[in-house]
Amino acid sequence: MKMIYGTSNLNKLEDIKSIIKAHNADIEAISLKDIGFSDEIIENGNTFEENSEIKARAVKKFCENNNIEYDIITTDDAGLCVDCLNGEPGVYSARYAGEHATQEEILNKLLNAIEKTGDTKRKAKFVCVLTSFLKDGRKIVSKGECNGKIAKTVTKLGGLTYSPVFIPDGYEVPMSELNAEEYEKAHNHRDKAFVELLSQI
């Protein structure tokens, strides 16, 4: 099965290839670069589901216009949702402190916002929604979540934007301080969404 995965980020592509291999799925994943897709997609949805579908439809239309063969098109939208902030940053996770904000600026804004609520549980989750179109036109939506809480301080910058403050359930330290094996096990919302997709194909 040939899958066009809606990303030009090679690290993200390798991530999905690792998930495919781990589940022994007979799927060959290629990126948007491989099909020559470089259009800007305006993600103006209010939910992960809406943004994921906007991307999937854009890729689908491109393939149809350019006679590009595929078995499945899959795109994702993901982000961090904090309970006491009513689900924020949510779909705005990447631009929570503005388009060109640094990781430190984003994390400081998040920690200050949580502090103002007075919440002590600091519960949060990473969410990933996959929207897939099969070549027969069928749409499949799948979702995965990684639950945890937000640390009170930033100890080590680097990695994914929110990994220095997100402590996954079952761990005592933020994701950025986990070794590679533990990180893969904990940062599993995309994996869970993909397993749900496989069960529906």
N, C-alpha and C. Protein backbone atom coordinates (compact mmCIF):
# COMPACT_ATOMS: atom_id res chain seq x y z
N MET A 1 0.84 -1.19 0.00
CA MET A 1 0.00 0.00 0.00
C MET A 1 0.88 1.25 0.00
N LYS A 2 0.60 2.17 -0.91
CA LYS A 2 1.38 3.40 -1.01
C LYS A 2 0.68 4.51 -0.26
N MET A 3 1.35 5.04 0.75
CA MET A 3 0.78 6.12 1.55
C MET A 3 1.53 7.42 1.28
N ILE A 4 0.78 8.48 0.94
CA ILE A 4 1.36 9.82 0.88
C ILE A 4 1.09 10.45 2.23
N TYR A 5 2.17 10.69 2.98
CA TYR A 5 2.02 11.27 4.32
C TYR A 5 2.25 12.77 4.23
N GLY A 6 1.28 13.52 4.71
CA GLY A 6 1.25 14.96 4.50
C GLY A 6 2.27 15.76 5.27
N THR A 7 3.54 15.55 4.97
CA THR A 7 4.61 16.33 5.59
C THR A 7 5.78 16.45 4.63
N SER A 8 6.53 17.54 4.78
CA SER A 8 7.80 17.69 4.05
C SER A 8 8.96 17.54 5.03
N ASN A 9 8.61 17.33 6.31
CA ASN A 9 9.60 17.17 7.37
C ASN A 9 10.10 15.73 7.38
N LEU A 10 11.38 15.54 7.05
CA LEU A 10 11.92 14.18 6.94
C LEU A 10 11.94 13.46 8.28
N ASN A 11 12.12 14.20 9.37
CA ASN A 11 12.10 13.57 10.70
C ASN A 11 10.71 13.00 11.00
N LYS A 12 9.67 13.75 10.60
CA LYS A 12 8.31 13.29 10.82
C LYS A 12 8.03 12.06 9.96
N LEU A 13 8.56 12.06 8.73
CA LEU A 13 8.39 10.91 7.84
C LEU A 13 9.06 9.68 8.43
N GLU A 14 10.27 9.86 8.96
CA GLU A 14 10.98 8.73 9.57
C GLU A 14 10.21 8.22 10.79
N ASP A 15 9.60 9.14 11.51
CA ASP A 15 8.80 8.77 12.68
C ASP A 15 7.65 7.85 12.27
N ILE A 16 6.93 8.23 11.21
CA ILE A 16 5.80 7.43 10.77
C ILE A 16 6.28 6.10 10.18
N LYS A 17 7.43 6.10 9.53
CA LYS A 17 8.00 4.85 9.00
C LYS A 17 8.33 3.88 10.13
N SER A 18 8.85 4.43 11.23
CA SER A 18 9.17 3.59 12.40
C SER A 18 7.91 2.98 12.99
N ILE A 19 6.83 3.78 13.04
CA ILE A 19 5.55 3.29 13.56
C ILE A 19 5.01 2.19 12.65
N ILE A 20 5.08 2.41 11.34
CA ILE A 20 4.62 1.41 10.37
C ILE A 20 5.39 0.10 10.56
N LYS A 21 6.71 0.21 10.69
CA LYS A 21 7.56 -0.98 10.85
C LYS A 21 7.24 -1.71 12.16
N ALA A 22 7.01 -0.94 13.23
CA ALA A 22 6.73 -1.53 14.54
C ALA A 22 5.45 -2.35 14.52
N HIS A 23 4.52 -1.98 13.63
CA HIS A 23 3.23 -2.68 13.58
C HIS A 23 3.13 -3.62 12.36
N ASN A 24 4.29 -3.85 11.73
CA ASN A 24 4.37 -4.81 10.60
C ASN A 24 3.31 -4.53 9.53
N ALA A 25 3.07 -3.25 9.27
CA ALA A 25 2.08 -2.89 8.25
C ALA A 25 2.74 -2.85 6.88
N ASP A 26 2.04 -3.36 5.87
CA ASP A 26 2.57 -3.39 4.51
C ASP A 26 2.27 -2.05 3.81
N ILE A 27 2.95 -1.01 4.29
CA ILE A 27 2.72 0.34 3.80
C ILE A 27 4.05 1.01 3.47
N GLU A 28 4.12 1.61 2.28
CA GLU A 28 5.28 2.41 1.90
C GLU A 28 4.89 3.88 2.02
N ALA A 29 5.54 4.60 2.94
CA ALA A 29 5.19 6.01 3.17
C ALA A 29 6.15 6.92 2.42
N ILE A 30 5.57 7.90 1.71
CA ILE A 30 6.38 8.90 1.03
C ILE A 30 5.91 10.29 1.48
N SER A 31 6.74 11.29 1.28
CA SER A 31 6.43 12.64 1.78
C SER A 31 5.86 13.53 0.68
N LEU A 32 5.46 14.73 1.05
CA LEU A 32 4.97 15.71 0.08
C LEU A 32 6.08 16.12 -0.88
N LYS A 33 7.33 16.11 -0.40
CA LYS A 33 8.46 16.43 -1.29
C LYS A 33 8.56 15.42 -2.42
N ASP A 34 8.26 14.17 -2.10
CA ASP A 34 8.38 13.09 -3.10
C ASP A 34 7.37 13.25 -4.23
N ILE A 35 6.27 13.95 -3.98
CA ILE A 35 5.27 14.14 -5.05
C ILE A 35 5.31 15.57 -5.61
N GLY A 36 6.26 16.36 -5.15
CA GLY A 36 6.41 17.72 -5.67
C GLY A 36 5.40 18.72 -5.14
N PHE A 37 4.82 18.41 -3.98
CA PHE A 37 3.82 19.31 -3.39
C PHE A 37 4.52 20.35 -2.53
N SER A 38 4.33 21.62 -2.88
CA SER A 38 4.95 22.69 -2.09
C SER A 38 3.97 23.83 -1.82
N ASP A 39 2.68 23.60 -2.09
CA ASP A 39 1.67 24.63 -1.87
C ASP A 39 1.55 24.98 -0.38
N GLU A 40 1.27 26.24 -0.10
CA GLU A 40 1.02 26.63 1.28
C GLU A 40 -0.43 26.29 1.62
N ILE A 41 -0.64 25.62 2.73
CA ILE A 41 -1.98 25.26 3.16
C ILE A 41 -2.37 26.14 4.35
N ILE A 42 -3.48 26.84 4.22
CA ILE A 42 -3.95 27.70 5.31
C ILE A 42 -4.77 26.86 6.28
N GLU A 43 -4.19 26.62 7.45
CA GLU A 43 -4.87 25.82 8.47
C GLU A 43 -5.72 26.74 9.35
N ASN A 44 -6.93 27.00 8.90
CA ASN A 44 -7.79 27.95 9.63
C ASN A 44 -8.96 27.26 10.33
N GLY A 45 -8.80 25.98 10.62
CA GLY A 45 -9.84 25.26 11.35
C GLY A 45 -9.80 25.58 12.83
N ASN A 46 -10.88 25.25 13.52
CA ASN A 46 -10.97 25.49 14.96
C ASN A 46 -10.65 24.26 15.79
N THR A 47 -10.47 23.12 15.12
CA THR A 47 -10.16 21.87 15.82
C THR A 47 -9.05 21.13 15.09
N PHE A 48 -8.45 20.16 15.78
CA PHE A 48 -7.43 19.33 15.13
C PHE A 48 -8.05 18.59 13.94
N GLU A 49 -9.29 18.13 14.12
CA GLU A 49 -9.98 17.40 13.06
C GLU A 49 -10.14 18.26 11.81
N GLU A 50 -10.54 19.51 12.01
CA GLU A 50 -10.75 20.40 10.86
C GLU A 50 -9.44 20.69 10.14
N ASN A 51 -8.39 21.01 10.90
CA ASN A 51 -7.10 21.32 10.27
C ASN A 51 -6.52 20.11 9.55
N SER A 52 -6.65 18.94 10.17
CA SER A 52 -6.15 17.73 9.55
C SER A 52 -6.87 17.45 8.22
N GLU A 53 -8.18 17.66 8.21
CA GLU A 53 -8.94 17.43 6.98
C GLU A 53 -8.63 18.47 5.92
N ILE A 54 -8.42 19.72 6.31
CA ILE A 54 -8.04 20.77 5.35
C ILE A 54 -6.77 20.35 4.61
N LYS A 55 -5.80 19.84 5.37
CA LYS A 55 -4.54 19.40 4.75
C LYS A 55 -4.75 18.19 3.84
N ALA A 56 -5.53 17.24 4.33
CA ALA A 56 -5.76 16.02 3.55
C ALA A 56 -6.46 16.33 2.22
N ARG A 57 -7.45 17.21 2.26
CA ARG A 57 -8.17 17.57 1.02
C ARG A 57 -7.27 18.32 0.04
N ALA A 58 -6.38 19.14 0.56
CA ALA A 58 -5.44 19.87 -0.30
C ALA A 58 -4.51 18.91 -1.02
N VAL A 59 -4.01 17.91 -0.30
CA VAL A 59 -3.11 16.92 -0.91
C VAL A 59 -3.89 16.06 -1.90
N LYS A 60 -5.09 15.68 -1.55
CA LYS A 60 -5.93 14.87 -2.43
C LYS A 60 -6.20 15.60 -3.75
N LYS A 61 -6.54 16.86 -3.66
CA LYS A 61 -6.82 17.66 -4.87
C LYS A 61 -5.57 17.77 -5.74
N PHE A 62 -4.42 17.96 -5.10
CA PHE A 62 -3.15 18.04 -5.83
C PHE A 62 -2.87 16.74 -6.58
N CYS A 63 -3.09 15.63 -5.91
CA CYS A 63 -2.85 14.32 -6.55
C CYS A 63 -3.80 14.11 -7.74
N GLU A 64 -5.04 14.49 -7.56
CA GLU A 64 -6.02 14.32 -8.64
C GLU A 64 -5.68 15.21 -9.83
N ASN A 65 -5.25 16.45 -9.55
CA ASN A 65 -4.90 17.38 -10.63
C ASN A 65 -3.64 16.98 -11.38
N ASN A 66 -2.78 16.21 -10.71
CA ASN A 66 -1.49 15.85 -11.32
C ASN A 66 -1.37 14.36 -11.61
N ASN A 67 -2.50 13.67 -11.58
CA ASN A 67 -2.54 12.22 -11.87
C ASN A 67 -1.52 11.42 -11.06
N ILE A 68 -1.45 11.73 -9.78
CA ILE A 68 -0.52 11.02 -8.89
C ILE A 68 -1.26 9.87 -8.22
N GLU A 69 -0.73 8.68 -8.40
CA GLU A 69 -1.35 7.47 -7.85
C GLU A 69 -1.07 7.34 -6.35
N TYR A 70 -2.05 6.85 -5.63
CA TYR A 70 -1.88 6.59 -4.21
C TYR A 70 -2.92 5.58 -3.76
N ASP A 71 -2.61 4.91 -2.66
CA ASP A 71 -3.60 4.04 -2.03
C ASP A 71 -4.28 4.76 -0.87
N ILE A 72 -3.49 5.61 -0.20
CA ILE A 72 -4.02 6.34 0.95
C ILE A 72 -3.24 7.64 1.13
N ILE A 73 -3.95 8.70 1.44
CA ILE A 73 -3.35 9.99 1.81
C ILE A 73 -3.64 10.19 3.29
N THR A 74 -2.61 10.49 4.06
CA THR A 74 -2.80 10.70 5.50
C THR A 74 -2.11 11.99 5.92
N THR A 75 -2.85 12.84 6.62
CA THR A 75 -2.28 14.06 7.18
C THR A 75 -2.62 14.13 8.66
N ASP A 76 -1.82 14.90 9.39
CA ASP A 76 -2.09 15.00 10.83
C ASP A 76 -2.17 16.44 11.29
N ASP A 77 -2.78 16.63 12.41
CA ASP A 77 -2.68 17.88 13.14
C ASP A 77 -2.56 17.49 14.60
N ALA A 78 -1.67 18.15 15.30
CA ALA A 78 -1.41 17.76 16.68
C ALA A 78 -1.06 18.97 17.52
N GLY A 79 -1.19 18.82 18.81
CA GLY A 79 -0.84 19.91 19.71
C GLY A 79 -1.05 19.55 21.16
N LEU A 80 -0.78 20.51 22.01
CA LEU A 80 -0.90 20.34 23.46
C LEU A 80 -2.19 20.98 23.95
N CYS A 81 -2.92 20.27 24.79
CA CYS A 81 -4.15 20.80 25.38
C CYS A 81 -4.03 20.75 26.90
N VAL A 82 -4.19 21.90 27.55
CA VAL A 82 -4.06 21.99 29.00
C VAL A 82 -5.45 22.19 29.60
N ASP A 83 -5.81 21.34 30.54
CA ASP A 83 -7.16 21.35 31.12
C ASP A 83 -7.56 22.71 31.68
N CYS A 84 -6.70 23.28 32.53
CA CYS A 84 -7.08 24.52 33.22
C CYS A 84 -7.09 25.73 32.29
N LEU A 85 -6.60 25.56 31.07
CA LEU A 85 -6.62 26.64 30.07
C LEU A 85 -7.71 26.37 29.02
N ASN A 86 -8.67 25.53 29.41
CA ASN A 86 -9.78 25.19 28.51
C ASN A 86 -9.31 24.62 27.18
N GLY A 87 -8.25 23.80 27.26
CA GLY A 87 -7.77 23.13 26.05
C GLY A 87 -6.72 23.88 25.27
N GLU A 88 -6.38 25.09 25.70
CA GLU A 88 -5.30 25.81 25.02
C GLU A 88 -3.96 25.18 25.36
N PRO A 89 -2.93 25.35 24.52
CA PRO A 89 -2.86 26.08 23.26
C PRO A 89 -3.64 25.42 22.11
N GLY A 90 -3.88 24.10 22.20
CA GLY A 90 -4.68 23.40 21.20
C GLY A 90 -4.17 23.59 19.79
N VAL A 91 -5.07 23.98 18.87
CA VAL A 91 -4.68 24.11 17.46
C VAL A 91 -3.68 25.24 17.25
N TYR A 92 -3.51 26.08 18.27
CA TYR A 92 -2.55 27.19 18.16
C TYR A 92 -1.21 26.86 18.81
N SER A 93 -0.96 25.58 19.08
CA SER A 93 0.25 25.17 19.80
C SER A 93 1.53 25.71 19.16
N ALA A 94 1.60 25.67 17.83
CA ALA A 94 2.83 26.09 17.14
C ALA A 94 3.02 27.60 17.16
N ARG A 95 1.94 28.35 17.30
CA ARG A 95 2.04 29.82 17.26
C ARG A 95 1.41 30.46 18.50
N TYR A 96 1.52 29.78 19.60
CA TYR A 96 0.88 30.20 20.86
C TYR A 96 1.36 31.58 21.32
N ALA A 97 2.64 31.88 21.11
CA ALA A 97 3.20 33.18 21.54
C ALA A 97 3.54 34.05 20.32
N GLY A 98 2.92 33.76 19.19
CA GLY A 98 3.20 34.51 17.97
C GLY A 98 3.93 33.67 16.95
N GLU A 99 3.91 34.10 15.70
CA GLU A 99 4.45 33.32 14.60
C GLU A 99 5.93 32.97 14.75
N HIS A 100 6.73 33.91 15.25
CA HIS A 100 8.18 33.69 15.29
C HIS A 100 8.74 33.65 16.70
N ALA A 101 7.91 33.28 17.65
CA ALA A 101 8.34 33.22 19.05
C ALA A 101 9.35 32.09 19.27
N THR A 102 10.25 32.29 20.21
CA THR A 102 11.23 31.26 20.55
C THR A 102 10.56 30.21 21.46
N GLN A 103 11.23 29.09 21.61
CA GLN A 103 10.72 28.04 22.50
C GLN A 103 10.58 28.59 23.92
N GLU A 104 11.56 29.36 24.35
CA GLU A 104 11.52 29.91 25.71
C GLU A 104 10.33 30.85 25.89
N GLU A 105 10.04 31.68 24.89
CA GLU A 105 8.90 32.60 24.97
C GLU A 105 7.57 31.85 25.04
N ILE A 106 7.45 30.78 24.24
CA ILE A 106 6.23 29.98 24.23
C ILE A 106 6.02 29.31 25.59
N LEU A 107 7.08 28.71 26.12
CA LEU A 107 6.95 27.99 27.39
C LEU A 107 6.69 28.95 28.55
N ASN A 108 7.31 30.10 28.52
CA ASN A 108 7.07 31.09 29.58
C ASN A 108 5.62 31.56 29.55
N LYS A 109 5.08 31.79 28.36
CA LYS A 109 3.68 32.21 28.26
C LYS A 109 2.76 31.13 28.81
N LEU A 110 3.07 29.87 28.48
CA LEU A 110 2.24 28.75 28.96
C LEU A 110 2.28 28.65 30.48
N LEU A 111 3.48 28.67 31.05
CA LEU A 111 3.62 28.52 32.50
C LEU A 111 2.97 29.68 33.25
N ASN A 112 3.10 30.89 32.71
CA ASN A 112 2.47 32.06 33.35
C ASN A 112 0.95 31.96 33.29
N ALA A 113 0.43 31.49 32.17
CA ALA A 113 -1.02 31.35 32.02
C ALA A 113 -1.57 30.32 33.00
N ILE A 114 -0.85 29.21 33.17
CA ILE A 114 -1.29 28.17 34.11
C ILE A 114 -1.23 28.69 35.54
N GLU A 115 -0.14 29.41 35.85
CA GLU A 115 0.05 29.96 37.20
C GLU A 115 -1.11 30.87 37.59
N LYS A 116 -1.57 31.67 36.65
CA LYS A 116 -2.66 32.62 36.91
C LYS A 116 -3.99 31.93 37.25
N THR A 117 -4.15 30.70 36.79
CA THR A 117 -5.41 29.98 37.06
C THR A 117 -5.45 29.44 38.48
N GLY A 118 -4.28 29.27 39.10
CA GLY A 118 -4.22 28.70 40.45
C GLY A 118 -4.40 27.19 40.46
N ASP A 119 -4.46 26.59 39.29
CA ASP A 119 -4.65 25.13 39.20
C ASP A 119 -3.41 24.41 39.73
N THR A 120 -3.62 23.36 40.49
CA THR A 120 -2.48 22.61 41.05
C THR A 120 -2.25 21.27 40.36
N LYS A 121 -3.27 20.73 39.70
CA LYS A 121 -3.12 19.43 39.05
C LYS A 121 -2.34 19.55 37.74
N ARG A 122 -2.52 20.67 37.03
CA ARG A 122 -1.77 20.98 35.81
C ARG A 122 -1.90 19.89 34.75
N LYS A 123 -3.07 19.25 34.70
CA LYS A 123 -3.28 18.15 33.76
C LYS A 123 -3.26 18.64 32.31
N ALA A 124 -2.67 17.83 31.44
CA ALA A 124 -2.56 18.20 30.03
C ALA A 124 -2.45 16.93 29.19
N LYS A 125 -2.58 17.11 27.89
CA LYS A 125 -2.41 15.96 26.99
C LYS A 125 -1.95 16.44 25.63
N PHE A 126 -1.14 15.61 24.98
CA PHE A 126 -0.82 15.80 23.58
C PHE A 126 -1.89 15.06 22.79
N VAL A 127 -2.39 15.70 21.75
CA VAL A 127 -3.41 15.10 20.91
C VAL A 127 -2.92 15.05 19.47
N CYS A 128 -3.18 13.95 18.78
CA CYS A 128 -2.88 13.83 17.36
C CYS A 128 -4.11 13.30 16.65
N VAL A 129 -4.54 13.99 15.61
CA VAL A 129 -5.65 13.54 14.78
C VAL A 129 -5.13 13.29 13.37
N LEU A 130 -5.40 12.11 12.85
CA LEU A 130 -5.04 11.76 11.47
C LEU A 130 -6.31 11.75 10.62
N THR A 131 -6.24 12.39 9.48
CA THR A 131 -7.32 12.27 8.49
C THR A 131 -6.75 11.57 7.27
N SER A 132 -7.42 10.52 6.83
CA SER A 132 -6.94 9.73 5.70
C SER A 132 -8.02 9.61 4.64
N PHE A 133 -7.59 9.67 3.39
CA PHE A 133 -8.47 9.38 2.27
C PHE A 133 -7.94 8.18 1.52
N LEU A 134 -8.76 7.15 1.36
CA LEU A 134 -8.41 6.01 0.54
C LEU A 134 -8.72 6.35 -0.91
N LYS A 135 -8.14 5.59 -1.84
CA LYS A 135 -8.32 5.94 -3.26
C LYS A 135 -9.77 5.76 -3.72
N ASP A 136 -10.57 5.02 -2.94
CA ASP A 136 -11.99 4.89 -3.30
C ASP A 136 -12.81 6.07 -2.76
N GLY A 137 -12.12 7.04 -2.11
CA GLY A 137 -12.80 8.23 -1.62
C GLY A 137 -13.21 8.16 -0.16
N ARG A 138 -13.09 6.97 0.44
CA ARG A 138 -13.50 6.83 1.85
C ARG A 138 -12.59 7.63 2.77
N LYS A 139 -13.19 8.31 3.74
CA LYS A 139 -12.43 9.10 4.71
C LYS A 139 -12.38 8.38 6.04
N ILE A 140 -11.21 8.36 6.64
CA ILE A 140 -11.03 7.76 7.96
C ILE A 140 -10.38 8.80 8.88
N VAL A 141 -10.98 9.00 10.04
CA VAL A 141 -10.40 9.92 11.03
C VAL A 141 -10.02 9.11 12.26
N SER A 142 -8.80 9.26 12.72
CA SER A 142 -8.35 8.53 13.91
C SER A 142 -7.63 9.51 14.85
N LYS A 143 -7.63 9.14 16.12
CA LYS A 143 -7.13 10.07 17.14
C LYS A 143 -6.33 9.34 18.21
N GLY A 144 -5.27 9.96 18.67
CA GLY A 144 -4.48 9.40 19.76
C GLY A 144 -4.15 10.47 20.77
N GLU A 145 -4.05 10.09 22.04
CA GLU A 145 -3.74 11.05 23.09
C GLU A 145 -2.64 10.52 24.00
N CYS A 146 -1.82 11.43 24.48
CA CYS A 146 -0.76 11.11 25.44
C CYS A 146 -1.01 12.01 26.65
N ASN A 147 -1.38 11.42 27.78
CA ASN A 147 -1.76 12.19 28.96
C ASN A 147 -0.59 12.46 29.90
N GLY A 148 -0.69 13.57 30.60
CA GLY A 148 0.36 13.92 31.54
C GLY A 148 0.03 15.20 32.28
N LYS A 149 1.07 15.91 32.69
CA LYS A 149 0.87 17.18 33.39
C LYS A 149 2.01 18.13 33.02
N ILE A 150 1.82 19.40 33.36
CA ILE A 150 2.81 20.42 33.02
C ILE A 150 3.69 20.71 34.24
N ALA A 151 5.01 20.68 34.02
CA ALA A 151 5.96 20.99 35.10
C ALA A 151 5.84 22.46 35.49
N LYS A 152 6.36 22.80 36.66
CA LYS A 152 6.27 24.18 37.14
C LYS A 152 7.38 25.06 36.57
N THR A 153 8.47 24.43 36.17
CA THR A 153 9.59 25.20 35.63
C THR A 153 10.17 24.50 34.41
N VAL A 154 10.94 25.24 33.64
CA VAL A 154 11.65 24.69 32.49
C VAL A 154 13.07 24.38 32.93
N THR A 155 13.48 23.13 32.80
CA THR A 155 14.83 22.76 33.24
C THR A 155 15.81 22.61 32.08
N LYS A 156 15.30 22.25 30.92
CA LYS A 156 16.22 21.97 29.81
C LYS A 156 15.49 22.22 28.48
N LEU A 157 15.91 23.25 27.77
CA LEU A 157 15.29 23.56 26.49
C LEU A 157 15.78 22.60 25.41
N GLY A 158 15.04 22.55 24.30
CA GLY A 158 15.43 21.68 23.19
C GLY A 158 14.35 20.66 22.89
N GLY A 159 14.51 19.97 21.78
CA GLY A 159 13.53 18.96 21.38
C GLY A 159 12.26 19.63 20.88
N LEU A 160 11.15 18.89 20.93
CA LEU A 160 9.88 19.46 20.51
C LEU A 160 9.48 20.60 21.44
N THR A 161 8.71 21.53 20.95
CA THR A 161 8.42 22.78 21.66
C THR A 161 8.05 22.59 23.12
N TYR A 162 7.10 21.68 23.38
CA TYR A 162 6.57 21.57 24.74
C TYR A 162 7.20 20.42 25.55
N SER A 163 8.13 19.70 24.97
CA SER A 163 8.71 18.55 25.68
C SER A 163 9.47 18.93 26.96
N PRO A 164 10.01 20.16 27.09
CA PRO A 164 10.70 20.49 28.34
C PRO A 164 9.77 20.70 29.54
N VAL A 165 8.45 20.80 29.30
CA VAL A 165 7.55 21.01 30.44
C VAL A 165 6.47 19.93 30.56
N PHE A 166 6.41 19.01 29.60
CA PHE A 166 5.36 17.99 29.63
C PHE A 166 5.87 16.72 30.31
N ILE A 167 5.25 16.37 31.43
CA ILE A 167 5.62 15.15 32.16
C ILE A 167 4.56 14.09 31.86
N PRO A 168 4.89 13.06 31.10
CA PRO A 168 3.90 12.03 30.75
C PRO A 168 3.48 11.23 31.98
N ASP A 169 2.24 10.75 31.98
CA ASP A 169 1.79 9.87 33.06
C ASP A 169 2.75 8.70 33.21
N GLY A 170 3.11 8.39 34.44
CA GLY A 170 4.01 7.29 34.71
C GLY A 170 5.47 7.71 34.81
N TYR A 171 5.73 8.99 34.59
CA TYR A 171 7.11 9.50 34.66
C TYR A 171 7.17 10.65 35.66
N GLU A 172 8.40 10.94 36.11
CA GLU A 172 8.60 12.01 37.09
C GLU A 172 9.29 13.23 36.49
N VAL A 173 9.76 13.10 35.26
CA VAL A 173 10.50 14.21 34.63
C VAL A 173 9.89 14.52 33.27
N PRO A 174 10.14 15.73 32.76
CA PRO A 174 9.61 16.09 31.44
C PRO A 174 10.20 15.24 30.33
N MET A 175 9.50 15.22 29.20
CA MET A 175 9.92 14.41 28.06
C MET A 175 11.34 14.70 27.60
N SER A 176 11.75 15.97 27.66
CA SER A 176 13.08 16.34 27.15
C SER A 176 14.20 15.69 27.94
N GLU A 177 13.89 15.17 29.13
CA GLU A 177 14.93 14.53 29.95
C GLU A 177 14.88 13.01 29.88
N LEU A 178 13.98 12.46 29.07
CA LEU A 178 13.92 11.00 28.92
C LEU A 178 14.93 10.54 27.89
N ASN A 179 15.42 9.31 28.05
CA ASN A 179 16.31 8.78 27.01
C ASN A 179 15.46 8.42 25.78
N ALA A 180 16.13 8.12 24.68
CA ALA A 180 15.43 7.93 23.40
C ALA A 180 14.34 6.86 23.48
N GLU A 181 14.65 5.74 24.14
CA GLU A 181 13.70 4.63 24.23
C GLU A 181 12.47 5.03 25.04
N GLU A 182 12.70 5.66 26.20
CA GLU A 182 11.58 6.09 27.04
C GLU A 182 10.77 7.18 26.34
N TYR A 183 11.46 8.06 25.63
CA TYR A 183 10.78 9.14 24.92
C TYR A 183 9.81 8.57 23.89
N GLU A 184 10.27 7.60 23.11
CA GLU A 184 9.42 6.98 22.09
C GLU A 184 8.19 6.32 22.73
N LYS A 185 8.41 5.70 23.89
CA LYS A 185 7.32 5.01 24.57
C LYS A 185 6.29 6.00 25.11
N ALA A 186 6.79 7.14 25.60
CA ALA A 186 5.90 8.12 26.25
C ALA A 186 5.22 9.04 25.24
N HIS A 187 5.96 9.44 24.21
CA HIS A 187 5.43 10.40 23.22
C HIS A 187 4.70 9.62 22.14
N ASN A 188 3.53 9.08 22.49
CA ASN A 188 2.92 8.05 21.65
C ASN A 188 1.55 8.41 21.08
N HIS A 189 1.19 9.69 21.07
CA HIS A 189 -0.14 10.04 20.57
C HIS A 189 -0.28 9.78 19.07
N ARG A 190 0.81 10.01 18.31
CA ARG A 190 0.75 9.72 16.87
C ARG A 190 0.68 8.21 16.63
N ASP A 191 1.43 7.47 17.45
CA ASP A 191 1.41 6.00 17.36
C ASP A 191 -0.01 5.47 17.62
N LYS A 192 -0.65 5.97 18.67
CA LYS A 192 -2.01 5.52 19.00
C LYS A 192 -2.99 5.85 17.88
N ALA A 193 -2.85 7.05 17.30
CA ALA A 193 -3.74 7.44 16.21
C ALA A 193 -3.52 6.54 15.00
N PHE A 194 -2.27 6.17 14.76
CA PHE A 194 -1.95 5.33 13.61
C PHE A 194 -2.48 3.91 13.80
N VAL A 195 -2.39 3.39 15.02
CA VAL A 195 -2.93 2.05 15.31
C VAL A 195 -4.44 2.04 15.06
N GLU A 196 -5.11 3.13 15.47
CA GLU A 196 -6.55 3.22 15.23
C GLU A 196 -6.83 3.28 13.73
N LEU A 197 -5.97 3.99 12.98
CA LEU A 197 -6.14 4.05 11.52
C LEU A 197 -6.00 2.66 10.92
N LEU A 198 -4.99 1.92 11.33
CA LEU A 198 -4.77 0.57 10.79
C LEU A 198 -5.98 -0.32 11.05
N SER A 199 -6.58 -0.17 12.23
CA SER A 199 -7.73 -1.02 12.57
C SER A 199 -8.94 -0.70 11.69
N GLN A 200 -8.97 0.50 11.11
CA GLN A 200 -10.11 0.89 10.30
C GLN A 200 -9.91 0.65 8.79
N ILE A 201 -8.66 0.51 8.38
CA ILE A 201 -8.39 0.30 6.95
C ILE A 201 -8.96 -1.04 6.49
